[in-house]
Amino acid sequence: MIFRLKKLFVHHKILLGIAGILALFVVFYYSILIPQQTKISQLTAVLQSEQRRVGVIEAFAGAHPDISQYEQELNAKLATVNLLLPDQPKISEFIVTVEQAARASGLELQQIKPLQPVKKTGYREIPLELTVQGTYFPTLDFLKKLEGLERFNSVVNMTVQAQTDQLTSDLRINIYYYDEPQPPEIAEQAKVNTATTPERVR
């Protein structure tokens, strides 16, 4: 009987030992191994992301070894874009440019009048009406000069009246500017400036 009890106790100790080992393994698996694997996955993802960023930087550095020159090129492109589509109406500047183009083409600019801006999606359109007088080839040259101006514009309508060797051309031109959200007081001042831009009459 005593031998059997001792044998049973030994059997229980073995089972308890096995259970303890299993419990220890479960605790190790859920409290240490899984969090470590999750951490490793996160670190691997971060490493891969950083490696991609390094690759992009290395590719950029290879394509643009002279950063200062690249910055100058970017600034030049930005300046060109700002001329094509400024962030302010700048109607007076455009009128001066049109006057210079007409004079260079040998035309008489009889009048130029800005109209009320039209709100579009992300930008505003400013119509201008102008009248020029001259012969055929100077008129054609003027239209080419308008197309080549630094500021983007489009001739949307043109009517021509012939008087002997002179042509009187009435044009409607649209110019555009980037409609960046502005504080109310600045936006109101821009409206005033647009409304008070004088009509040029010759």
C-alpha atoms as a PDB file:
ATOM      1  CA  MET A   1       0.000   0.000   0.000  1.00  0.00           C
ATOM      2  CA  ILE A   2       2.758   2.438   0.964  1.00  0.00           C
ATOM      3  CA  PHE A   3       4.603   1.549  -2.227  1.00  0.00           C
ATOM      4  CA  ARG A   4       1.522   2.315  -4.281  1.00  0.00           C
ATOM      5  CA  LEU A   5       1.060   5.710  -2.574  1.00  0.00           C
ATOM      6  CA  LYS A   6       4.676   6.632  -3.184  1.00  0.00           C
ATOM      7  CA  LYS A   7       4.255   5.576  -6.826  1.00  0.00           C
ATOM      8  CA  LEU A   8       1.090   7.706  -7.072  1.00  0.00           C
ATOM      9  CA  PHE A   9       2.835  10.729  -5.541  1.00  0.00           C
ATOM     10  CA  VAL A  10       5.665  10.348  -8.015  1.00  0.00           C
ATOM     11  CA  HIS A  11       3.141  10.130 -10.845  1.00  0.00           C
ATOM     12  CA  HIS A  12       1.405  13.295  -9.619  1.00  0.00           C
ATOM     13  CA  LYS A  13       4.717  15.087  -9.318  1.00  0.00           C
ATOM     14  CA  ILE A  14       5.518  14.157 -12.905  1.00  0.00           C
ATOM     15  CA  LEU A  15       2.098  15.365 -14.077  1.00  0.00           C
ATOM     16  CA  LEU A  16       2.478  18.563 -12.080  1.00  0.00           C
ATOM     17  CA  GLY A  17       5.922  19.071 -13.525  1.00  0.00           C
ATOM     18  CA  ILE A  18       4.622  18.559 -17.046  1.00  0.00           C
ATOM     19  CA  ALA A  19       1.713  20.901 -16.345  1.00  0.00           C
ATOM     20  CA  GLY A  20       4.111  23.479 -14.966  1.00  0.00           C
ATOM     21  CA  ILE A  21       6.287  23.213 -18.012  1.00  0.00           C
ATOM     22  CA  LEU A  22       3.246  23.560 -20.282  1.00  0.00           C
ATOM     23  CA  ALA A  23       2.019  26.551 -18.298  1.00  0.00           C
ATOM     24  CA  LEU A  24       5.461  28.092 -18.465  1.00  0.00           C
ATOM     25  CA  PHE A  25       5.541  27.533 -22.202  1.00  0.00           C
ATOM     26  CA  VAL A  26       2.079  29.108 -22.620  1.00  0.00           C
ATOM     27  CA  VAL A  27       3.104  32.118 -20.552  1.00  0.00           C
ATOM     28  CA  PHE A  28       6.334  32.415 -22.504  1.00  0.00           C
ATOM     29  CA  TYR A  29       4.497  32.096 -25.840  1.00  0.00           C
ATOM     30  CA  TYR A  30       1.804  34.670 -25.155  1.00  0.00           C
ATOM     31  CA  SER A  31       3.665  37.131 -22.959  1.00  0.00           C
ATOM     32  CA  ILE A  32       7.108  37.068 -24.569  1.00  0.00           C
ATOM     33  CA  LEU A  33       7.293  35.294 -27.904  1.00  0.00           C
ATOM     34  CA  ILE A  34       4.205  36.779 -29.605  1.00  0.00           C
ATOM     35  CA  PRO A  35       4.966  40.381 -28.488  1.00  0.00           C
ATOM     36  CA  GLN A  36       8.544  39.930 -29.684  1.00  0.00           C
ATOM     37  CA  GLN A  37       7.363  38.627 -33.054  1.00  0.00           C
ATOM     38  CA  THR A  38       4.947  41.574 -33.334  1.00  0.00           C
ATOM     39  CA  LYS A  39       7.761  43.954 -32.437  1.00  0.00           C
ATOM     40  CA  ILE A  40      10.047  42.314 -34.984  1.00  0.00           C
ATOM     41  CA  SER A  41       7.364  42.684 -37.682  1.00  0.00           C
ATOM     42  CA  GLN A  42       6.948  46.356 -36.795  1.00  0.00           C
ATOM     43  CA  LEU A  43      10.692  46.952 -36.836  1.00  0.00           C
ATOM     44  CA  THR A  44      10.983  45.121 -40.158  1.00  0.00           C
ATOM     45  CA  ALA A  45       8.266  47.335 -41.644  1.00  0.00           C
ATOM     46  CA  VAL A  46      10.029  50.456 -40.326  1.00  0.00           C
ATOM     47  CA  LEU A  47      13.357  49.205 -41.686  1.00  0.00           C
ATOM     48  CA  GLN A  48      11.873  48.539 -45.116  1.00  0.00           C
ATOM     49  CA  SER A  49      10.262  51.989 -45.108  1.00  0.00           C
ATOM     50  CA  GLU A  50      13.554  53.632 -44.152  1.00  0.00           C
ATOM     51  CA  GLN A  51      15.380  51.633 -46.813  1.00  0.00           C
ATOM     52  CA  ARG A  52      12.898  52.891 -49.418  1.00  0.00           C
ATOM     53  CA  ARG A  53      13.406  56.461 -48.204  1.00  0.00           C
ATOM     54  CA  VAL A  54      17.179  56.044 -48.387  1.00  0.00           C
ATOM     55  CA  GLY A  55      16.772  54.666 -51.908  1.00  0.00           C
ATOM     56  CA  VAL A  56      14.720  57.679 -52.940  1.00  0.00           C
ATOM     57  CA  ILE A  57      17.265  60.056 -51.406  1.00  0.00           C
ATOM     58  CA  GLU A  58      20.151  58.251 -53.089  1.00  0.00           C
ATOM     59  CA  ALA A  59      18.347  58.328 -56.437  1.00  0.00           C
ATOM     60  CA  PHE A  60      17.610  62.028 -55.965  1.00  0.00           C
ATOM     61  CA  ALA A  61      21.226  62.738 -55.024  1.00  0.00           C
ATOM     62  CA  GLY A  62      22.420  60.822 -58.071  1.00  0.00           C
ATOM     63  CA  ALA A  63      20.091  62.744 -60.381  1.00  0.00           C
ATOM     64  CA  HIS A  64      20.878  66.117 -58.782  1.00  0.00           C
ATOM     65  CA  PRO A  65      24.467  66.150 -57.510  1.00  0.00           C
ATOM     66  CA  ASP A  66      24.436  69.955 -57.307  1.00  0.00           C
ATOM     67  CA  ILE A  67      21.616  70.721 -54.874  1.00  0.00           C
ATOM     68  CA  SER A  68      22.060  74.484 -55.109  1.00  0.00           C
ATOM     69  CA  GLN A  69      21.711  74.375 -58.894  1.00  0.00           C
ATOM     70  CA  TYR A  70      18.629  72.147 -58.584  1.00  0.00           C
ATOM     71  CA  GLU A  71      17.124  74.616 -56.106  1.00  0.00           C
ATOM     72  CA  GLN A  72      17.742  77.449 -58.563  1.00  0.00           C
ATOM     73  CA  GLU A  73      16.032  75.437 -61.305  1.00  0.00           C
ATOM     74  CA  LEU A  74      13.042  74.814 -59.051  1.00  0.00           C
ATOM     75  CA  ASN A  75      12.824  78.489 -58.156  1.00  0.00           C
ATOM     76  CA  ALA A  76      12.984  79.425 -61.844  1.00  0.00           C
ATOM     77  CA  LYS A  77      10.184  76.985 -62.679  1.00  0.00           C
ATOM     78  CA  LEU A  78       8.130  78.297 -59.774  1.00  0.00           C
ATOM     79  CA  ALA A  79       8.642  81.864 -60.976  1.00  0.00           C
ATOM     80  CA  THR A  80       7.480  80.840 -64.466  1.00  0.00           C
ATOM     81  CA  VAL A  81       4.349  79.222 -63.035  1.00  0.00           C
ATOM     82  CA  ASN A  82       3.660  82.331 -60.946  1.00  0.00           C
ATOM     83  CA  LEU A  83       3.873  84.442 -64.092  1.00  0.00           C
ATOM     84  CA  LEU A  84       1.506  82.150 -65.987  1.00  0.00           C
ATOM     85  CA  LEU A  85      -0.995  81.925 -63.129  1.00  0.00           C
ATOM     86  CA  PRO A  86      -0.303  84.495 -60.390  1.00  0.00           C
ATOM     87  CA  ASP A  87      -1.986  84.452 -57.002  1.00  0.00           C
ATOM     88  CA  GLN A  88      -3.236  88.048 -57.422  1.00  0.00           C
ATOM     89  CA  PRO A  89      -5.267  89.688 -60.235  1.00  0.00           C
ATOM     90  CA  LYS A  90      -2.372  91.984 -61.321  1.00  0.00           C
ATOM     91  CA  ILE A  91      -4.565  93.554 -63.988  1.00  0.00           C
ATOM     92  CA  SER A  92      -2.544  96.760 -64.269  1.00  0.00           C
ATOM     93  CA  GLU A  93       0.638  94.805 -65.033  1.00  0.00           C
ATOM     94  CA  PHE A  94      -1.134  92.841 -67.761  1.00  0.00           C
ATOM     95  CA  ILE A  95      -2.566  96.020 -69.301  1.00  0.00           C
ATOM     96  CA  VAL A  96       0.930  97.512 -69.457  1.00  0.00           C
ATOM     97  CA  THR A  97       2.172  94.344 -71.166  1.00  0.00           C
ATOM     98  CA  VAL A  98      -0.658  94.499 -73.735  1.00  0.00           C
ATOM     99  CA  GLU A  99       0.119  98.164 -74.427  1.00  0.00           C
ATOM    100  CA  GLN A 100       3.765  97.289 -75.044  1.00  0.00           C
ATOM    101  CA  ALA A 101       2.792  94.414 -77.359  1.00  0.00           C
ATOM    102  CA  ALA A 102       0.456  96.653 -79.371  1.00  0.00           C
ATOM    103  CA  ARG A 103       3.103  99.354 -79.661  1.00  0.00           C
ATOM    104  CA  ALA A 104       5.745  96.825 -80.726  1.00  0.00           C
ATOM    105  CA  SER A 105       3.386  95.495 -83.409  1.00  0.00           C
ATOM    106  CA  GLY A 106       2.679  98.979 -84.766  1.00  0.00           C
ATOM    107  CA  LEU A 107      -0.949  99.078 -83.616  1.00  0.00           C
ATOM    108  CA  GLU A 108      -2.891 101.773 -81.839  1.00  0.00           C
ATOM    109  CA  LEU A 109      -4.471 100.501 -78.646  1.00  0.00           C
ATOM    110  CA  GLN A 110      -7.650 102.541 -78.502  1.00  0.00           C
ATOM    111  CA  GLN A 111      -9.073 101.130 -75.289  1.00  0.00           C
ATOM    112  CA  ILE A 112      -8.741  98.277 -72.813  1.00  0.00           C
ATOM    113  CA  LYS A 113     -11.297  97.614 -70.113  1.00  0.00           C
ATOM    114  CA  PRO A 114     -11.241  94.901 -67.413  1.00  0.00           C
ATOM    115  CA  LEU A 115     -14.566  93.323 -66.493  1.00  0.00           C
ATOM    116  CA  GLN A 116     -15.774  91.659 -63.318  1.00  0.00           C
ATOM    117  CA  PRO A 117     -13.800  88.502 -62.392  1.00  0.00           C
ATOM    118  CA  VAL A 118     -15.612  85.177 -62.711  1.00  0.00           C
ATOM    119  CA  LYS A 119     -15.086  82.572 -59.995  1.00  0.00           C
ATOM    120  CA  LYS A 120     -14.095  79.135 -61.250  1.00  0.00           C
ATOM    121  CA  THR A 121     -13.020  75.993 -59.413  1.00  0.00           C
ATOM    122  CA  GLY A 122      -9.678  76.877 -57.822  1.00  0.00           C
ATOM    123  CA  TYR A 123      -9.065  80.003 -59.892  1.00  0.00           C
ATOM    124  CA  ARG A 124     -10.678  83.203 -61.159  1.00  0.00           C
ATOM    125  CA  GLU A 125     -11.125  84.350 -64.732  1.00  0.00           C
ATOM    126  CA  ILE A 126     -10.853  88.053 -65.590  1.00  0.00           C
ATOM    127  CA  PRO A 127     -12.333  89.126 -68.939  1.00  0.00           C
ATOM    128  CA  LEU A 128     -10.875  92.182 -70.661  1.00  0.00           C
ATOM    129  CA  GLU A 129     -12.256  94.022 -73.668  1.00  0.00           C
ATOM    130  CA  LEU A 130      -9.829  95.882 -75.886  1.00  0.00           C
ATOM    131  CA  THR A 131      -9.815  97.632 -79.224  1.00  0.00           C
ATOM    132  CA  VAL A 132      -6.804  97.957 -81.500  1.00  0.00           C
ATOM    133  CA  GLN A 133      -6.453  99.623 -84.871  1.00  0.00           C
ATOM    134  CA  GLY A 134      -3.942  99.001 -87.612  1.00  0.00           C
ATOM    135  CA  THR A 135      -3.310  97.069 -90.800  1.00  0.00           C
ATOM    136  CA  TYR A 136      -3.570  93.324 -91.350  1.00  0.00           C
ATOM    137  CA  PHE A 137      -0.013  92.112 -90.691  1.00  0.00           C
ATOM    138  CA  PRO A 138       0.552  94.219 -87.556  1.00  0.00           C
ATOM    139  CA  THR A 139      -2.770  92.890 -86.227  1.00  0.00           C
ATOM    140  CA  LEU A 140      -1.643  89.340 -86.906  1.00  0.00           C
ATOM    141  CA  ASP A 141       1.694  90.029 -85.211  1.00  0.00           C
ATOM    142  CA  PHE A 142      -0.137  91.453 -82.178  1.00  0.00           C
ATOM    143  CA  LEU A 143      -2.214  88.285 -81.836  1.00  0.00           C
ATOM    144  CA  LYS A 144       0.980  86.208 -81.924  1.00  0.00           C
ATOM    145  CA  LYS A 145       2.522  88.429 -79.260  1.00  0.00           C
ATOM    146  CA  LEU A 146      -0.536  87.959 -77.052  1.00  0.00           C
ATOM    147  CA  GLU A 147      -0.174  84.208 -77.385  1.00  0.00           C
ATOM    148  CA  GLY A 148       3.487  84.408 -76.393  1.00  0.00           C
ATOM    149  CA  LEU A 149       3.039  86.572 -73.299  1.00  0.00           C
ATOM    150  CA  GLU A 150       4.470  85.262 -70.047  1.00  0.00           C
ATOM    151  CA  ARG A 151       1.053  85.414 -68.407  1.00  0.00           C
ATOM    152  CA  PHE A 152      -1.392  82.854 -69.720  1.00  0.00           C
ATOM    153  CA  ASN A 153      -4.306  84.412 -71.609  1.00  0.00           C
ATOM    154  CA  SER A 154      -6.871  83.324 -74.155  1.00  0.00           C
ATOM    155  CA  VAL A 155      -8.610  85.316 -76.889  1.00  0.00           C
ATOM    156  CA  VAL A 156     -12.210  84.145 -76.674  1.00  0.00           C
ATOM    157  CA  ASN A 157     -13.807  86.536 -79.152  1.00  0.00           C
ATOM    158  CA  MET A 158     -12.727  88.897 -81.925  1.00  0.00           C
ATOM    159  CA  THR A 159     -14.643  91.088 -84.344  1.00  0.00           C
ATOM    160  CA  VAL A 160     -12.999  93.086 -87.114  1.00  0.00           C
ATOM    161  CA  GLN A 161     -14.223  96.109 -89.012  1.00  0.00           C
ATOM    162  CA  ALA A 162     -12.397  97.142 -92.197  1.00  0.00           C
ATOM    163  CA  GLN A 163     -12.040 100.828 -93.047  1.00  0.00           C
ATOM    164  CA  THR A 164      -9.991 101.375 -96.224  1.00  0.00           C
ATOM    165  CA  ASP A 165      -6.584  99.910 -95.304  1.00  0.00           C
ATOM    166  CA  GLN A 166      -7.208 100.021 -91.543  1.00  0.00           C
ATOM    167  CA  LEU A 167      -8.662  97.262 -89.384  1.00  0.00           C
ATOM    168  CA  THR A 168     -10.442  98.017 -86.118  1.00  0.00           C
ATOM    169  CA  SER A 169     -10.376  94.865 -84.000  1.00  0.00           C
ATOM    170  CA  ASP A 170     -12.439  94.345 -80.859  1.00  0.00           C
ATOM    171  CA  LEU A 171     -11.084  91.527 -78.731  1.00  0.00           C
ATOM    172  CA  ARG A 172     -12.221  89.858 -75.569  1.00  0.00           C
ATOM    173  CA  ILE A 173      -9.366  88.273 -73.650  1.00  0.00           C
ATOM    174  CA  ASN A 174      -9.462  86.170 -70.501  1.00  0.00           C
ATOM    175  CA  ILE A 175      -6.639  86.138 -67.988  1.00  0.00           C
ATOM    176  CA  TYR A 176      -6.540  83.996 -64.877  1.00  0.00           C
ATOM    177  CA  TYR A 177      -5.196  83.978 -61.372  1.00  0.00           C
ATOM    178  CA  TYR A 178      -4.986  81.369 -58.655  1.00  0.00           C
ATOM    179  CA  ASP A 179      -7.854  81.754 -56.218  1.00  0.00           C
ATOM    180  CA  GLU A 180      -6.036  81.062 -52.966  1.00  0.00           C
ATOM    181  CA  PRO A 181      -8.255  81.331 -49.858  1.00  0.00           C
ATOM    182  CA  GLN A 182      -7.580  84.639 -48.135  1.00  0.00           C
ATOM    183  CA  PRO A 183      -8.702  86.365 -44.945  1.00  0.00           C
ATOM    184  CA  PRO A 184     -11.924  88.379 -45.456  1.00  0.00           C
ATOM    185  CA  GLU A 185     -10.226  91.791 -45.205  1.00  0.00           C
ATOM    186  CA  ILE A 186      -7.617  90.894 -47.862  1.00  0.00           C
ATOM    187  CA  ALA A 187     -10.244  89.396 -50.163  1.00  0.00           C
ATOM    188  CA  GLU A 188     -12.343  92.551 -49.832  1.00  0.00           C
ATOM    189  CA  GLN A 189      -9.344  94.739 -50.650  1.00  0.00           C
ATOM    190  CA  ALA A 190      -8.649  92.623 -53.752  1.00  0.00           C
ATOM    191  CA  LYS A 191     -12.224  93.227 -54.898  1.00  0.00           C
ATOM    192  CA  VAL A 192     -11.771  96.968 -54.421  1.00  0.00           C
ATOM    193  CA  ASN A 193      -8.506  96.954 -56.366  1.00  0.00           C
ATOM    194  CA  THR A 194     -10.129  95.030 -59.219  1.00  0.00           C
ATOM    195  CA  ALA A 195     -13.163  97.286 -59.325  1.00  0.00           C
ATOM    196  CA  THR A 196     -11.070 100.462 -59.321  1.00  0.00           C
ATOM    197  CA  THR A 197      -8.641  99.430 -62.078  1.00  0.00           C
ATOM    198  CA  PRO A 198      -9.101 102.232 -64.621  1.00  0.00           C
ATOM    199  CA  GLU A 199     -10.191 101.707 -68.180  1.00  0.00           C
ATOM    200  CA  ARG A 200      -7.488 102.752 -70.607  1.00  0.00           C
ATOM    201  CA  VAL A 201      -8.857 104.787 -73.486  1.00  0.00           C
ATOM    202  CA  ARG A 202      -6.746 106.282 -76.223  1.00  0.00           C
END
